[in-house]
Amino acid sequence: MLVSASRSLSFPTFLRGLVLCAAVTLAAHLVEQLQLMIFGAHWVESLVLAILIGIAVRSSVCLSQTFIPGIHFCAKTLLEIAVVLLGASLSTAAVRQAGLPLVGGIAVLVALSLAGSFLIGRLFGLSASLATLVACGNSICGNSAIAAAAPVIGAKPNDIAASIAFTALLGIGAVLTLPLLHLFLGLSAVQYGVFAGLTAYALPQVLAATASAGAVSTQVGTLVKLIRVMMLGPVILLLAAGHGRRPGGSAVNLRHVLPWFILGFAAMVTLRSFDAIPAALLPGMSAVSSAFTVTAMAALGLSVDVRSVGHTGGRVLAAAALSLLALGALGLCLIGLLDIR
């Protein structure tokens, strides 16, 4: 919807959304600094503040469609660039001790979550199509997984809209709740990174949820989340086979199966592992990545209108929420089974 709205529009119109995202980003930084001045610490990070301020603006003001292209650019393109740059600062030492068992564990967790979420959806009376979309969004990568799965299973527009609406709502809730669980459960930085990477729907939500826990949690969470995203390819191929579509057919979009920014992220990690990135460039790359990420959070918030969420029905919310709780429980079990410290 956002993509189609952005086509054939002039650059000045495109610029309006960029300026709005920048304004929300600036407001988030100012509130963060205000906390620091008053309390001596910032209890809520600028990433989360950007989301909350963005939601408040979108839900209280009727934004013109002319803002949508710029908002979409910040939410998608800037975030993808930020993820690629983040790869340059990633240290794999924190997750090296888990290695292949962690990758295998994530694959098993995704499979269990898909099956469990689908069954929960059916128990709550959702159609098979809607239950499948909720399961994919919950288990893999939120709206991206829904967008990839929808054409493969022939999902109806109403099912797509409902699953995306509640995925967005619960995703924001997860961002706000995960840092509290970090403190409540007493997880280490690595454990929390793994937990956030396994639980949050989308990569920006992982970044926002782990920001307050430090660089190690963010790096581990990003790596775990990207491994989770890698599971989208096999899942889409299985759905295509199950619905009578050939794996190489037009219903399977390779951009969703293996996005460019994942390849870019992997390339940056590889270059950093071989010390191929000049040390002088690393601080600047990290700063740009952080700035783009906060701006993307602002755009994410500006994409969520809470007024539209109430129109899609409580059964979807109940099924998605219960599925998210089950995913969190599976994540904690995996951390315990792999003895991640």
Protein backbone atom coordinates (compact mmCIF):
# COMPACT_ATOMS: atom_id res chain seq x y z
CA MET A 1 0.00 0.00 0.00
CA LEU A 2 2.78 2.41 0.92
CA VAL A 3 4.77 1.43 -2.18
CA SER A 4 1.88 2.06 -4.55
CA ALA A 5 1.19 5.39 -2.92
CA SER A 6 4.75 6.52 -3.54
CA ARG A 7 4.78 5.94 -7.28
CA SER A 8 4.65 8.83 -9.75
CA LEU A 9 5.01 11.50 -7.05
CA SER A 10 7.37 14.45 -7.26
CA PHE A 11 10.46 14.84 -5.12
CA PRO A 12 9.03 17.79 -3.10
CA THR A 13 6.12 15.53 -2.13
CA PHE A 14 8.56 12.75 -1.29
CA LEU A 15 10.52 15.24 0.81
CA ARG A 16 7.55 16.05 3.07
CA GLY A 17 7.60 12.58 4.60
CA LEU A 18 11.36 12.77 5.12
CA VAL A 19 11.03 16.10 6.93
CA LEU A 20 8.26 14.71 9.15
CA CYS A 21 10.36 11.67 10.07
CA ALA A 22 13.32 13.94 10.80
CA ALA A 23 11.12 16.13 13.03
CA VAL A 24 9.90 13.10 15.01
CA THR A 25 13.50 11.86 15.30
CA LEU A 26 14.63 15.25 16.62
CA ALA A 27 11.78 15.29 19.14
CA ALA A 28 12.79 11.81 20.35
CA HIS A 29 16.40 12.92 20.86
CA LEU A 30 15.26 16.05 22.71
CA VAL A 31 13.06 14.02 25.07
CA GLU A 32 15.96 11.62 25.66
CA GLN A 33 18.24 14.54 26.53
CA LEU A 34 15.54 16.05 28.75
CA GLN A 35 15.44 12.80 30.74
CA LEU A 36 19.21 12.97 31.10
CA MET A 37 19.07 16.56 32.38
CA ILE A 38 16.28 15.90 34.88
CA PHE A 39 17.00 12.36 36.08
CA GLY A 40 20.67 11.94 35.22
CA ALA A 41 19.80 8.98 32.97
CA HIS A 42 17.53 8.23 30.02
CA TRP A 43 15.00 5.58 31.01
CA VAL A 44 13.42 5.40 27.57
CA GLU A 45 15.77 5.29 24.57
CA SER A 46 15.35 7.56 21.56
CA LEU A 47 14.52 4.54 19.39
CA VAL A 48 11.45 3.71 21.49
CA LEU A 49 10.56 7.38 21.89
CA ALA A 50 10.63 7.82 18.13
CA ILE A 51 8.13 4.97 17.74
CA LEU A 52 5.81 6.34 20.43
CA ILE A 53 5.91 9.91 19.16
CA GLY A 54 5.34 8.68 15.61
CA ILE A 55 2.30 6.65 16.68
CA ALA A 56 0.92 9.64 18.61
CA VAL A 57 1.25 11.89 15.56
CA ARG A 58 -0.25 9.38 13.12
CA SER A 59 -3.13 8.50 15.45
CA SER A 60 -4.06 12.08 16.34
CA VAL A 61 -3.58 13.84 13.01
CA CYS A 62 -4.99 12.92 9.62
CA LEU A 63 -1.82 12.81 7.54
CA SER A 64 -2.05 13.64 3.85
CA GLN A 65 -1.12 10.87 1.42
CA THR A 66 1.73 13.12 0.25
CA PHE A 67 3.65 12.20 3.41
CA ILE A 68 3.50 8.46 2.73
CA PRO A 69 6.36 8.09 0.17
CA GLY A 70 8.91 9.74 2.47
CA ILE A 71 7.71 7.75 5.48
CA HIS A 72 8.01 4.53 3.50
CA PHE A 73 11.52 5.47 2.35
CA CYS A 74 12.65 6.02 5.95
CA ALA A 75 10.94 2.88 7.27
CA LYS A 76 12.36 0.64 4.57
CA THR A 77 15.36 2.00 2.69
CA LEU A 78 17.05 3.89 5.53
CA LEU A 79 16.56 0.91 7.83
CA GLU A 80 18.07 -1.49 5.28
CA ILE A 81 21.10 0.76 4.90
CA ALA A 82 21.40 0.93 8.70
CA VAL A 83 21.34 -2.88 8.92
CA VAL A 84 24.10 -3.20 6.32
CA LEU A 85 26.26 -0.68 8.19
CA LEU A 86 25.54 -2.46 11.47
CA GLY A 87 27.28 -5.52 10.08
CA ALA A 88 30.56 -3.60 10.16
CA SER A 89 30.38 -3.33 13.95
CA LEU A 90 29.20 -6.86 14.66
CA SER A 91 31.35 -9.03 16.84
CA THR A 92 30.60 -12.74 16.43
CA ALA A 93 32.61 -13.64 19.54
CA ALA A 94 29.54 -13.37 21.75
CA VAL A 95 27.65 -16.05 19.83
CA ARG A 96 30.57 -18.19 18.70
CA GLN A 97 30.18 -20.54 21.64
CA ALA A 98 26.63 -21.38 20.51
CA GLY A 99 27.56 -21.86 16.83
CA LEU A 100 25.63 -24.41 14.79
CA PRO A 101 23.45 -25.53 17.73
CA LEU A 102 22.01 -22.01 17.87
CA VAL A 103 21.21 -22.03 14.13
CA GLY A 104 19.61 -25.45 14.43
CA GLY A 105 17.71 -24.36 17.52
CA ILE A 106 16.33 -21.31 15.73
CA ALA A 107 15.15 -23.50 12.84
CA VAL A 108 13.35 -25.84 15.24
CA LEU A 109 11.85 -22.90 17.15
CA VAL A 110 10.50 -21.37 13.93
CA ALA A 111 8.94 -24.71 12.91
CA LEU A 112 7.31 -25.20 16.33
CA SER A 113 6.09 -21.59 16.41
CA LEU A 114 4.58 -21.89 12.93
CA ALA A 115 2.68 -25.03 13.86
CA GLY A 116 1.61 -23.73 17.27
CA SER A 117 0.53 -20.31 15.98
CA PHE A 118 -1.49 -21.89 13.18
CA LEU A 119 -3.28 -24.21 15.61
CA ILE A 120 -3.98 -21.35 18.02
CA GLY A 121 -5.43 -19.30 15.17
CA ARG A 122 -7.70 -22.13 14.10
CA LEU A 123 -8.82 -22.68 17.70
CA PHE A 124 -9.85 -19.01 17.81
CA GLY A 125 -11.92 -19.49 14.67
CA LEU A 126 -9.62 -17.85 12.16
CA SER A 127 -9.69 -19.05 8.58
CA ALA A 128 -6.83 -21.25 7.42
CA SER A 129 -5.51 -18.37 5.31
CA LEU A 130 -5.60 -15.83 8.14
CA ALA A 131 -4.15 -18.32 10.63
CA THR A 132 -1.28 -19.01 8.20
CA LEU A 133 -0.52 -15.30 7.81
CA VAL A 134 -0.55 -14.73 11.57
CA ALA A 135 1.71 -17.76 12.08
CA CYS A 136 4.21 -16.55 9.46
CA GLY A 137 4.27 -13.01 10.80
CA ASN A 138 4.59 -14.18 14.39
CA SER A 139 7.23 -16.83 13.78
CA ILE A 140 9.55 -15.24 11.24
CA CYS A 141 9.61 -11.52 10.50
CA GLY A 142 6.28 -9.78 10.90
CA ASN A 143 4.87 -7.87 7.92
CA SER A 144 7.64 -9.02 5.56
CA ALA A 145 6.69 -12.65 6.11
CA ILE A 146 3.00 -11.83 5.70
CA ALA A 147 3.72 -9.98 2.44
CA ALA A 148 5.75 -12.92 1.16
CA ALA A 149 3.24 -15.60 2.18
CA ALA A 150 0.04 -13.84 1.12
CA PRO A 151 0.33 -14.29 -2.68
CA VAL A 152 1.58 -17.85 -2.29
CA ILE A 153 -1.49 -18.99 -0.35
CA GLY A 154 -3.92 -16.72 -2.22
CA ALA A 155 -4.86 -14.75 0.90
CA LYS A 156 -7.81 -12.35 0.78
CA PRO A 157 -7.16 -8.60 1.18
CA ASN A 158 -9.12 -8.47 4.44
CA ASP A 159 -7.00 -11.28 5.90
CA ILE A 160 -3.80 -9.50 4.87
CA ALA A 161 -4.98 -6.20 6.39
CA ALA A 162 -6.03 -7.82 9.66
CA SER A 163 -2.81 -9.79 10.12
CA ILE A 164 -0.63 -6.76 9.33
CA ALA A 165 -2.61 -4.46 11.65
CA PHE A 166 -2.22 -6.66 14.69
CA THR A 167 1.34 -7.63 13.88
CA ALA A 168 2.17 -3.92 13.92
CA LEU A 169 0.33 -3.38 17.21
CA LEU A 170 1.85 -6.37 19.00
CA GLY A 171 5.27 -5.58 17.58
CA ILE A 172 5.20 -2.17 19.25
CA GLY A 173 3.99 -3.81 22.46
CA ALA A 174 6.92 -6.24 22.33
CA VAL A 175 9.39 -3.35 21.95
CA LEU A 176 8.03 -1.74 25.11
CA THR A 177 7.74 -4.99 27.10
CA LEU A 178 10.99 -6.79 26.27
CA PRO A 179 13.29 -4.39 28.19
CA LEU A 180 11.13 -4.92 31.29
CA LEU A 181 11.40 -8.69 30.87
CA HIS A 182 15.17 -8.30 30.59
CA LEU A 183 15.25 -6.85 34.09
CA PHE A 184 12.56 -9.13 35.49
CA LEU A 185 14.14 -12.36 34.23
CA GLY A 186 17.71 -11.30 35.03
CA LEU A 187 19.05 -12.26 31.62
CA SER A 188 22.67 -11.60 30.67
CA ALA A 189 23.45 -9.35 27.69
CA VAL A 190 23.93 -12.34 25.39
CA GLN A 191 20.84 -14.15 26.69
CA TYR A 192 18.70 -11.06 26.26
CA GLY A 193 20.03 -10.50 22.75
CA VAL A 194 19.09 -14.06 21.82
CA PHE A 195 15.67 -13.71 23.50
CA ALA A 196 14.89 -10.42 21.74
CA GLY A 197 16.09 -11.78 18.40
CA LEU A 198 13.86 -14.83 18.81
CA THR A 199 10.80 -12.92 20.02
CA ALA A 200 10.52 -9.55 18.30
CA TYR A 201 8.71 -9.58 14.97
CA ALA A 202 10.96 -7.36 12.90
CA LEU A 203 14.57 -6.25 12.90
CA PRO A 204 13.82 -2.61 13.82
CA GLN A 205 11.95 -3.87 16.86
CA VAL A 206 14.97 -5.96 17.87
CA LEU A 207 17.17 -2.88 17.59
CA ALA A 208 14.77 -0.79 19.67
CA ALA A 209 14.26 -3.48 22.31
CA THR A 210 17.98 -4.15 22.82
CA ALA A 211 19.21 -0.53 22.68
CA SER A 212 19.07 -0.07 26.46
CA ALA A 213 20.91 -3.37 27.10
CA GLY A 214 24.11 -2.39 25.31
CA ALA A 215 26.03 -3.17 22.14
CA VAL A 216 26.45 -6.90 22.82
CA SER A 217 22.70 -7.45 23.13
CA THR A 218 22.07 -5.44 19.97
CA GLN A 219 24.68 -7.34 17.99
CA VAL A 220 23.56 -10.76 19.20
CA GLY A 221 19.89 -9.87 18.72
CA THR A 222 20.55 -8.68 15.18
CA LEU A 223 22.41 -11.85 14.26
CA VAL A 224 19.73 -14.12 15.76
CA LYS A 225 16.97 -12.15 14.05
CA LEU A 226 18.68 -12.36 10.67
CA ILE A 227 19.07 -16.13 11.07
CA ARG A 228 15.34 -16.20 11.79
CA VAL A 229 14.67 -14.18 8.64
CA MET A 230 16.69 -16.70 6.64
CA MET A 231 14.03 -19.28 7.54
CA LEU A 232 11.53 -17.36 5.39
CA GLY A 233 12.88 -18.87 2.17
CA PRO A 234 12.29 -22.53 3.09
CA VAL A 235 8.90 -21.69 4.63
CA ILE A 236 7.70 -19.89 1.48
CA LEU A 237 8.88 -22.78 -0.70
CA LEU A 238 6.99 -25.25 1.50
CA LEU A 239 3.85 -23.09 1.37
CA ALA A 240 4.18 -22.88 -2.41
CA ALA A 241 4.47 -26.66 -2.66
CA GLY A 242 1.53 -27.14 -0.31
CA HIS A 243 -0.68 -24.85 -2.37
CA GLY A 244 0.19 -26.40 -5.69
CA ARG A 245 2.60 -23.67 -6.82
CA ARG A 246 5.93 -24.51 -8.40
CA PRO A 247 8.86 -23.26 -6.26
CA GLY A 248 10.22 -21.29 -9.19
CA GLY A 249 6.84 -19.82 -10.08
CA SER A 250 5.87 -16.18 -9.99
CA ALA A 251 4.14 -16.56 -6.63
CA VAL A 252 7.51 -16.78 -4.83
CA ASN A 253 9.18 -13.38 -4.66
CA LEU A 254 12.95 -13.74 -4.24
CA ARG A 255 13.17 -10.21 -2.81
CA HIS A 256 11.24 -11.44 0.21
CA VAL A 257 13.10 -14.74 0.44
CA LEU A 258 16.58 -13.17 0.41
CA PRO A 259 16.50 -9.36 0.70
CA TRP A 260 19.55 -7.40 -0.48
CA PHE A 261 20.28 -5.96 2.94
CA ILE A 262 20.79 -9.43 4.43
CA LEU A 263 23.43 -10.09 1.81
CA GLY A 264 24.94 -6.67 2.53
CA PHE A 265 24.94 -7.35 6.25
CA ALA A 266 26.67 -10.71 5.72
CA ALA A 267 29.23 -9.05 3.47
CA MET A 268 30.02 -6.41 6.10
CA VAL A 269 30.41 -9.06 8.81
CA THR A 270 32.79 -10.97 6.53
CA LEU A 271 34.83 -7.86 5.74
CA ARG A 272 35.04 -6.97 9.43
CA SER A 273 36.12 -10.51 10.29
CA PHE A 274 39.06 -10.16 7.91
CA ASP A 275 39.86 -6.60 9.10
CA ALA A 276 39.14 -5.35 5.58
CA ILE A 277 37.29 -2.25 6.82
CA PRO A 278 39.62 0.63 7.84
CA ALA A 279 39.38 1.30 11.57
CA ALA A 280 38.97 5.01 10.94
CA LEU A 281 35.69 4.39 9.12
CA LEU A 282 34.05 2.28 11.84
CA PRO A 283 32.92 5.10 14.20
CA GLY A 284 31.33 7.02 11.34
CA MET A 285 29.57 3.92 10.00
CA SER A 286 28.23 3.17 13.46
CA ALA A 287 26.97 6.74 13.90
CA VAL A 288 25.20 6.73 10.53
CA SER A 289 23.67 3.33 11.31
CA SER A 290 22.34 4.60 14.65
CA ALA A 291 20.95 7.81 13.12
CA PHE A 292 19.22 5.97 10.29
CA THR A 293 17.80 3.42 12.73
CA VAL A 294 16.17 6.07 14.94
CA THR A 295 14.72 7.77 11.86
CA ALA A 296 13.37 4.40 10.71
CA MET A 297 11.76 3.96 14.14
CA ALA A 298 10.04 7.32 13.69
CA ALA A 299 8.75 6.17 10.30
CA LEU A 300 7.58 2.88 11.81
CA GLY A 301 5.55 4.78 14.39
CA LEU A 302 4.15 7.08 11.72
CA SER A 303 2.94 3.98 9.86
CA VAL A 304 0.75 2.78 12.75
CA ASP A 305 -2.69 4.32 13.25
CA VAL A 306 -4.24 2.83 16.39
CA ARG A 307 -7.66 4.04 15.25
CA SER A 308 -7.67 1.50 12.41
CA VAL A 309 -6.70 -1.44 14.62
CA GLY A 310 -10.08 -1.66 16.36
CA HIS A 311 -11.85 -2.40 13.08
CA THR A 312 -10.37 -5.85 12.50
CA GLY A 313 -11.72 -7.93 15.37
CA GLY A 314 -10.60 -9.25 18.75
CA ARG A 315 -10.08 -12.87 17.72
CA VAL A 316 -7.07 -11.98 15.60
CA LEU A 317 -5.57 -9.98 18.46
CA ALA A 318 -6.17 -12.80 20.95
CA ALA A 319 -4.68 -15.44 18.65
CA ALA A 320 -1.65 -13.31 17.76
CA ALA A 321 -1.03 -12.32 21.40
CA LEU A 322 -1.20 -15.91 22.63
CA SER A 323 1.09 -17.00 19.80
CA LEU A 324 3.59 -14.30 20.79
CA LEU A 325 3.56 -15.51 24.41
CA ALA A 326 4.18 -19.06 23.21
CA LEU A 327 7.07 -17.83 21.06
CA GLY A 328 8.61 -16.11 24.07
CA ALA A 329 8.32 -19.28 26.14
CA LEU A 330 9.97 -21.30 23.36
CA GLY A 331 12.76 -18.74 23.20
CA LEU A 332 13.49 -19.06 26.92
CA CYS A 333 13.47 -22.85 26.61
CA LEU A 334 15.98 -22.67 23.76
CA ILE A 335 18.28 -20.42 25.78
CA GLY A 336 18.15 -22.93 28.63
CA LEU A 337 18.65 -26.00 26.43
CA LEU A 338 21.68 -24.50 24.68
CA ASP A 339 23.04 -23.21 28.00
CA ILE A 340 23.60 -19.75 26.53
CA ARG A 341 25.27 -17.47 29.05
